[in-house]
C-alpha atoms as a PDB file:
ATOM      1  CA  MET A   1     -77.636 255.241 -30.163  1.00  0.00           C
ATOM      2  CA  SER A   2     -75.203 255.580 -27.234  1.00  0.00           C
ATOM      3  CA  ASN A   3     -72.083 253.446 -26.886  1.00  0.00           C
ATOM      4  CA  LEU A   4     -73.715 251.749 -23.898  1.00  0.00           C
ATOM      5  CA  THR A   5     -76.697 250.532 -25.895  1.00  0.00           C
ATOM      6  CA  LYS A   6     -74.383 249.158 -28.616  1.00  0.00           C
ATOM      7  CA  LEU A   7     -72.960 246.648 -26.138  1.00  0.00           C
ATOM      8  CA  SER A   8     -74.672 243.326 -25.527  1.00  0.00           C
ATOM      9  CA  ALA A   9     -76.441 242.924 -22.193  1.00  0.00           C
ATOM     10  CA  SER A  10     -73.742 240.560 -20.917  1.00  0.00           C
ATOM     11  CA  ASP A  11     -71.019 243.162 -21.668  1.00  0.00           C
ATOM     12  CA  ARG A  12     -72.646 245.987 -19.702  1.00  0.00           C
ATOM     13  CA  LEU A  13     -71.513 246.560 -16.143  1.00  0.00           C
ATOM     14  CA  MET A  14     -74.535 248.583 -15.171  1.00  0.00           C
ATOM     15  CA  GLU A  15     -77.642 249.698 -16.974  1.00  0.00           C
ATOM     16  CA  LEU A  16     -80.303 252.146 -15.845  1.00  0.00           C
ATOM     17  CA  ALA A  17     -83.963 251.300 -16.211  1.00  0.00           C
ATOM     18  CA  PRO A  18     -85.572 253.424 -18.951  1.00  0.00           C
ATOM     19  CA  LYS A  19     -87.498 255.547 -16.418  1.00  0.00           C
ATOM     20  CA  TYR A  20     -84.198 256.516 -14.748  1.00  0.00           C
ATOM     21  CA  GLU A  21     -82.475 257.236 -18.084  1.00  0.00           C
ATOM     22  CA  THR A  22     -85.254 259.725 -18.861  1.00  0.00           C
ATOM     23  CA  LEU A  23     -84.973 261.298 -15.407  1.00  0.00           C
ATOM     24  CA  VAL A  24     -81.192 261.725 -15.742  1.00  0.00           C
ATOM     25  CA  LYS A  25     -81.485 263.164 -19.262  1.00  0.00           C
ATOM     26  CA  GLN A  26     -83.909 265.754 -17.868  1.00  0.00           C
ATOM     27  CA  GLY A  27     -81.358 266.774 -15.227  1.00  0.00           C
ATOM     28  CA  GLY A  28     -82.985 264.872 -12.374  1.00  0.00           C
ATOM     29  CA  GLU A  29     -81.230 262.886  -9.708  1.00  0.00           C
ATOM     30  CA  ILE A  30     -81.692 259.272  -8.701  1.00  0.00           C
ATOM     31  CA  GLU A  31     -81.881 258.728  -4.970  1.00  0.00           C
ATOM     32  CA  LEU A  32     -79.443 256.006  -3.978  1.00  0.00           C
ATOM     33  CA  LEU A  33     -80.719 253.736  -1.244  1.00  0.00           C
ATOM     34  CA  PRO A  34     -78.584 251.278   0.725  1.00  0.00           C
ATOM     35  CA  GLN A  35     -79.382 247.705  -0.246  1.00  0.00           C
ATOM     36  CA  GLU A  36     -79.202 246.005   3.142  1.00  0.00           C
ATOM     37  CA  GLU A  37     -79.174 242.497   1.641  1.00  0.00           C
ATOM     38  CA  GLU A  38     -76.183 243.336  -0.560  1.00  0.00           C
ATOM     39  CA  ILE A  39     -74.374 244.999   2.334  1.00  0.00           C
ATOM     40  CA  LEU A  40     -74.862 241.900   4.495  1.00  0.00           C
ATOM     41  CA  CYS A  41     -73.392 239.722   1.716  1.00  0.00           C
ATOM     42  CA  ALA A  42     -70.335 241.945   1.175  1.00  0.00           C
ATOM     43  CA  ASP A  43     -67.095 240.128   1.860  1.00  0.00           C
ATOM     44  CA  TRP A  44     -63.373 240.484   1.276  1.00  0.00           C
ATOM     45  CA  ILE A  45     -62.006 239.007  -1.922  1.00  0.00           C
ATOM     46  CA  ASP A  46     -58.424 238.100  -2.703  1.00  0.00           C
ATOM     47  CA  MET A  47     -56.869 240.686  -5.021  1.00  0.00           C
ATOM     48  CA  GLU A  48     -55.828 237.952  -7.439  1.00  0.00           C
ATOM     49  CA  ASP A  49     -59.392 236.578  -7.558  1.00  0.00           C
ATOM     50  CA  TYR A  50     -60.716 240.079  -8.160  1.00  0.00           C
ATOM     51  CA  ALA A  51     -58.207 240.784 -10.935  1.00  0.00           C
ATOM     52  CA  VAL A  52     -59.030 237.647 -12.964  1.00  0.00           C
ATOM     53  CA  GLN A  53     -62.756 238.389 -13.321  1.00  0.00           C
ATOM     54  CA  GLY A  54     -63.776 238.423 -16.990  1.00  0.00           C
ATOM     55  CA  VAL A  55     -64.506 242.108 -17.401  1.00  0.00           C
ATOM     56  CA  TRP A  56     -61.074 243.072 -16.022  1.00  0.00           C
ATOM     57  CA  THR A  57     -59.066 240.552 -18.039  1.00  0.00           C
ATOM     58  CA  GLN A  58     -60.531 241.968 -21.270  1.00  0.00           C
ATOM     59  CA  SER A  59     -59.376 245.489 -20.413  1.00  0.00           C
ATOM     60  CA  PRO A  60     -55.748 246.561 -20.879  1.00  0.00           C
ATOM     61  CA  LEU A  61     -56.466 249.551 -18.631  1.00  0.00           C
ATOM     62  CA  TYR A  62     -57.840 247.504 -15.735  1.00  0.00           C
ATOM     63  CA  LYS A  63     -55.256 244.739 -16.189  1.00  0.00           C
ATOM     64  CA  GLU A  64     -52.558 247.384 -15.670  1.00  0.00           C
ATOM     65  CA  MET A  65     -54.384 248.943 -12.722  1.00  0.00           C
ATOM     66  CA  ASN A  66     -54.909 245.574 -11.038  1.00  0.00           C
ATOM     67  CA  ARG A  67     -51.277 244.576 -11.689  1.00  0.00           C
ATOM     68  CA  ALA A  68     -50.076 247.820 -10.076  1.00  0.00           C
ATOM     69  CA  MET A  69     -52.407 247.283  -7.102  1.00  0.00           C
ATOM     70  CA  ILE A  70     -51.190 243.730  -6.553  1.00  0.00           C
ATOM     71  CA  ASP A  71     -47.519 244.686  -6.978  1.00  0.00           C
ATOM     72  CA  ALA A  72     -47.884 247.561  -4.519  1.00  0.00           C
ATOM     73  CA  ALA A  73     -49.580 245.326  -1.959  1.00  0.00           C
ATOM     74  CA  ARG A  74     -47.009 242.551  -2.315  1.00  0.00           C
ATOM     75  CA  LYS A  75     -43.820 244.576  -2.594  1.00  0.00           C
ATOM     76  CA  GLY A  76     -44.674 247.975  -1.229  1.00  0.00           C
ATOM     77  CA  ILE A  77     -43.071 250.952  -2.851  1.00  0.00           C
ATOM     78  CA  GLU A  78     -39.429 251.308  -1.971  1.00  0.00           C
ATOM     79  CA  TYR A  79     -38.106 254.788  -2.499  1.00  0.00           C
ATOM     80  CA  SER A  80     -34.400 255.260  -2.954  1.00  0.00           C
ATOM     81  CA  SER A  81     -32.667 258.384  -1.762  1.00  0.00           C
ATOM     82  CA  SER A  82     -30.201 260.253  -3.879  1.00  0.00           C
ATOM     83  CA  LYS A  83     -26.879 261.402  -2.480  1.00  0.00           C
ATOM     84  CA  ASP A  84     -28.207 264.861  -1.639  1.00  0.00           C
ATOM     85  CA  GLY A  85     -31.053 263.393   0.414  1.00  0.00           C
ATOM     86  CA  ASP A  86     -33.886 264.051  -2.025  1.00  0.00           C
ATOM     87  CA  GLU A  87     -36.161 261.098  -2.533  1.00  0.00           C
ATOM     88  CA  ALA A  88     -36.340 259.905  -6.136  1.00  0.00           C
ATOM     89  CA  HIS A  89     -39.803 258.666  -6.987  1.00  0.00           C
ATOM     90  CA  GLY A  90     -42.716 259.506  -9.184  1.00  0.00           C
ATOM     91  CA  PHE A  91     -45.385 258.265 -11.507  1.00  0.00           C
ATOM     92  CA  VAL A  92     -45.522 257.342 -15.148  1.00  0.00           C
ATOM     93  CA  SER A  93     -48.565 257.767 -17.338  1.00  0.00           C
ATOM     94  CA  LYS A  94     -49.922 255.013 -19.580  1.00  0.00           C
ATOM     95  CA  VAL A  95     -52.853 255.570 -21.947  1.00  0.00           C
ATOM     96  CA  LEU A  96     -54.579 252.218 -22.480  1.00  0.00           C
ATOM     97  CA  PRO A  97     -57.796 251.027 -24.114  1.00  0.00           C
ATOM     98  CA  VAL A  98     -60.613 250.358 -21.647  1.00  0.00           C
ATOM     99  CA  GLY A  99     -61.348 247.099 -23.464  1.00  0.00           C
ATOM    100  CA  PHE A 100     -64.914 246.282 -22.427  1.00  0.00           C
ATOM    101  CA  ARG A 101     -66.228 249.480 -24.025  1.00  0.00           C
ATOM    102  CA  PRO A 102     -64.905 251.869 -26.663  1.00  0.00           C
ATOM    103  CA  GLY A 103     -62.307 254.442 -25.652  1.00  0.00           C
ATOM    104  CA  SER A 104     -59.135 254.718 -23.648  1.00  0.00           C
ATOM    105  CA  ASN A 105     -58.062 256.267 -20.378  1.00  0.00           C
ATOM    106  CA  ALA A 106     -54.841 257.260 -18.662  1.00  0.00           C
ATOM    107  CA  ILE A 107     -53.527 255.479 -15.612  1.00  0.00           C
ATOM    108  CA  TYR A 108     -50.681 256.780 -13.473  1.00  0.00           C
ATOM    109  CA  VAL A 109     -48.594 254.121 -11.791  1.00  0.00           C
ATOM    110  CA  SER A 110     -45.526 254.303  -9.611  1.00  0.00           C
ATOM    111  CA  SER A 111     -42.285 254.404 -11.530  1.00  0.00           C
ATOM    112  CA  LYS A 112     -40.908 252.099  -8.813  1.00  0.00           C
ATOM    113  CA  LEU A 113     -43.263 249.185  -9.530  1.00  0.00           C
END
């Protein structure tokens, strides 16, 4: 049994129909077709509203990613220059649990945020 099938239906983000699971397991490809109705309904969403959706709030990884995204949008990334003119900036790595499924993943965020 895969990790995906161990999750309840309400915890799954996306699930393939059985006929597509078989196709993929056999090395086939699923043709992706634009869903015009969904495209017409697409709209902007406030970053804060996006970040507080249930699946993201249960995930340390996505909570950190959304926090970094919001901080970067609000504050920008200010780089300070050292005396010799080299810019001092970089990223730090954080390994966090995904939260809504088993496992963890690394996220790299600005050391300035």
